[in-house]
Every structure is written in structure tokens, then in C-alpha cells.
N, C-alpha and C. Protein backbone atom coordinates (compact mmCIF):
# COMPACT_ATOMS: atom_id res chain seq x y z
N MET A 1 2.51 19.51 6.44
CA MET A 1 3.07 19.92 5.14
C MET A 1 2.46 19.05 4.05
N PRO A 2 1.91 19.61 3.00
CA PRO A 2 1.31 18.83 1.92
C PRO A 2 2.32 17.89 1.28
N GLY A 3 1.85 16.72 0.93
CA GLY A 3 2.70 15.76 0.23
C GLY A 3 3.57 14.92 1.14
N THR A 4 3.29 14.94 2.43
CA THR A 4 4.10 14.16 3.36
C THR A 4 3.23 13.17 4.10
N LEU A 5 3.92 12.29 4.83
CA LEU A 5 3.21 11.36 5.69
C LEU A 5 2.78 12.07 6.96
N ARG A 6 1.70 11.63 7.54
CA ARG A 6 1.23 12.20 8.80
C ARG A 6 2.17 11.80 9.93
N GLU A 7 2.23 12.61 10.94
CA GLU A 7 3.00 12.30 12.13
C GLU A 7 2.04 12.05 13.28
N GLY A 8 2.49 11.35 14.30
CA GLY A 8 1.65 11.09 15.47
C GLY A 8 0.66 9.98 15.19
N TYR A 9 -0.57 10.12 15.73
CA TYR A 9 -1.60 9.11 15.54
C TYR A 9 -1.85 8.93 14.05
N GLY A 10 -1.85 7.69 13.60
CA GLY A 10 -2.04 7.43 12.18
C GLY A 10 -0.75 7.59 11.40
N ALA A 11 0.39 7.63 12.10
CA ALA A 11 1.68 7.79 11.42
C ALA A 11 1.82 6.72 10.34
N GLY A 12 2.38 7.09 9.23
CA GLY A 12 2.55 6.18 8.12
C GLY A 12 1.39 6.24 7.14
N MET A 13 0.36 6.99 7.46
CA MET A 13 -0.78 7.13 6.56
C MET A 13 -0.59 8.38 5.71
N LEU A 14 -1.03 8.28 4.48
CA LEU A 14 -0.96 9.43 3.58
C LEU A 14 -2.16 10.34 3.79
N ASP A 15 -1.98 11.60 3.58
CA ASP A 15 -3.10 12.53 3.60
C ASP A 15 -3.96 12.30 2.36
N VAL A 16 -5.22 12.63 2.46
CA VAL A 16 -6.15 12.50 1.33
C VAL A 16 -5.62 13.29 0.14
N GLY A 17 -5.64 12.67 -1.04
CA GLY A 17 -5.22 13.34 -2.26
C GLY A 17 -3.74 13.19 -2.58
N ILE A 18 -2.97 12.55 -1.68
CA ILE A 18 -1.54 12.35 -1.91
C ILE A 18 -1.35 10.98 -2.55
N ALA A 19 -0.60 10.91 -3.63
CA ALA A 19 -0.34 9.64 -4.31
C ALA A 19 0.52 8.73 -3.43
N ALA A 20 0.19 7.46 -3.42
CA ALA A 20 0.98 6.48 -2.67
C ALA A 20 2.34 6.31 -3.31
N PRO A 21 3.38 6.07 -2.51
CA PRO A 21 4.70 5.81 -3.08
C PRO A 21 4.68 4.47 -3.81
N ASP A 22 5.53 4.31 -4.79
CA ASP A 22 5.58 3.07 -5.55
C ASP A 22 6.06 1.93 -4.66
N PHE A 23 5.49 0.75 -4.84
CA PHE A 23 5.93 -0.45 -4.15
C PHE A 23 5.58 -1.65 -5.00
N SER A 24 6.18 -2.77 -4.69
CA SER A 24 5.88 -4.03 -5.37
C SER A 24 5.54 -5.06 -4.32
N ALA A 25 4.63 -5.97 -4.67
CA ALA A 25 4.22 -7.03 -3.76
C ALA A 25 3.67 -8.19 -4.58
N PRO A 26 3.73 -9.40 -4.03
CA PRO A 26 3.16 -10.54 -4.75
C PRO A 26 1.64 -10.53 -4.68
N ASP A 27 1.00 -10.93 -5.78
CA ASP A 27 -0.46 -11.06 -5.77
C ASP A 27 -0.83 -12.44 -5.25
N GLN A 28 -2.10 -12.81 -5.34
CA GLN A 28 -2.58 -14.09 -4.81
C GLN A 28 -1.96 -15.29 -5.50
N ASP A 29 -1.38 -15.09 -6.69
CA ASP A 29 -0.75 -16.18 -7.43
C ASP A 29 0.77 -16.15 -7.31
N GLY A 30 1.31 -15.19 -6.55
CA GLY A 30 2.75 -15.08 -6.37
C GLY A 30 3.44 -14.22 -7.42
N THR A 31 2.68 -13.67 -8.35
CA THR A 31 3.23 -12.78 -9.38
C THR A 31 3.49 -11.41 -8.76
N ILE A 32 4.70 -10.89 -8.96
CA ILE A 32 5.03 -9.58 -8.41
C ILE A 32 4.33 -8.49 -9.22
N VAL A 33 3.59 -7.65 -8.53
CA VAL A 33 2.86 -6.55 -9.15
C VAL A 33 3.38 -5.25 -8.54
N SER A 34 3.65 -4.27 -9.39
CA SER A 34 4.11 -2.96 -8.94
C SER A 34 2.97 -1.96 -9.02
N LEU A 35 2.92 -1.06 -8.08
CA LEU A 35 1.89 -0.02 -8.13
C LEU A 35 2.02 0.78 -9.41
N ALA A 36 3.23 0.97 -9.88
CA ALA A 36 3.45 1.72 -11.13
C ALA A 36 2.76 1.01 -12.31
N ASP A 37 2.68 -0.33 -12.28
CA ASP A 37 2.01 -1.08 -13.35
C ASP A 37 0.51 -0.81 -13.37
N LEU A 38 -0.03 -0.37 -12.24
CA LEU A 38 -1.47 -0.17 -12.10
C LEU A 38 -1.85 1.30 -12.11
N ARG A 39 -0.90 2.18 -12.35
CA ARG A 39 -1.15 3.63 -12.32
C ARG A 39 -2.32 3.98 -13.24
N GLY A 40 -3.24 4.79 -12.74
CA GLY A 40 -4.40 5.19 -13.52
C GLY A 40 -5.61 4.29 -13.31
N GLN A 41 -5.44 3.21 -12.53
CA GLN A 41 -6.54 2.30 -12.25
C GLN A 41 -6.87 2.39 -10.76
N TRP A 42 -8.07 1.96 -10.38
CA TRP A 42 -8.42 1.85 -8.98
C TRP A 42 -7.67 0.66 -8.41
N VAL A 43 -7.12 0.81 -7.23
CA VAL A 43 -6.37 -0.27 -6.58
C VAL A 43 -6.85 -0.42 -5.15
N ALA A 44 -7.16 -1.64 -4.76
CA ALA A 44 -7.50 -1.95 -3.37
C ALA A 44 -6.46 -2.94 -2.86
N LEU A 45 -5.80 -2.58 -1.80
CA LEU A 45 -4.79 -3.44 -1.20
C LEU A 45 -5.34 -4.00 0.09
N TRP A 46 -5.37 -5.31 0.20
CA TRP A 46 -5.93 -5.97 1.37
C TRP A 46 -4.96 -7.05 1.80
N TRP A 47 -4.67 -7.09 3.08
CA TRP A 47 -3.79 -8.14 3.58
C TRP A 47 -4.18 -8.50 5.00
N TYR A 48 -3.75 -9.66 5.41
CA TYR A 48 -3.98 -10.15 6.76
C TYR A 48 -2.62 -10.29 7.42
N PRO A 49 -2.29 -9.42 8.38
CA PRO A 49 -0.96 -9.44 8.99
C PRO A 49 -0.55 -10.79 9.57
N LYS A 50 -1.51 -11.58 10.05
CA LYS A 50 -1.16 -12.87 10.66
C LYS A 50 -1.32 -14.04 9.71
N ALA A 51 -1.63 -13.78 8.45
CA ALA A 51 -1.78 -14.87 7.49
C ALA A 51 -0.45 -15.61 7.34
N SER A 52 -0.53 -16.88 7.23
CA SER A 52 0.64 -17.76 7.04
C SER A 52 1.63 -17.68 8.21
N THR A 53 1.13 -17.36 9.40
CA THR A 53 1.98 -17.38 10.58
C THR A 53 1.39 -18.37 11.58
N PRO A 54 2.24 -18.99 12.38
CA PRO A 54 1.71 -19.93 13.37
C PRO A 54 0.90 -19.21 14.45
N GLY A 55 -0.11 -19.88 14.95
CA GLY A 55 -0.86 -19.33 16.08
C GLY A 55 -2.13 -18.73 15.76
């Protein structure tokens, strides 16, 4: 169904052309940035799941 998340393999991924839901996250300086604040701009989100964890 258009406008929904995929099911099965790749679950949680958006289909091509579907806008990402709004979210907020801290940037590299700890400042909270909202996707809505960046609407209309190119956005690249990169994270390391094990960053700042022991091991």
C-alpha cells in the first residue's frame, strides 16, 4: 500500500518517494535537531549502533 512501511524483509524501511516521519535527535554537539526543521533540505542520517557502548 503506498505511503506505508514495508513488511517482511527490510521492515521499517520506507518505500522510495515516501516522506520520512518527523523525528528529533541530538547532533554531534548535543543540540536537538528535528527533521521538520530541515524540511526542504537534503538530509543524511548516519549513526553507529555500538558507539558509546562498552565492548
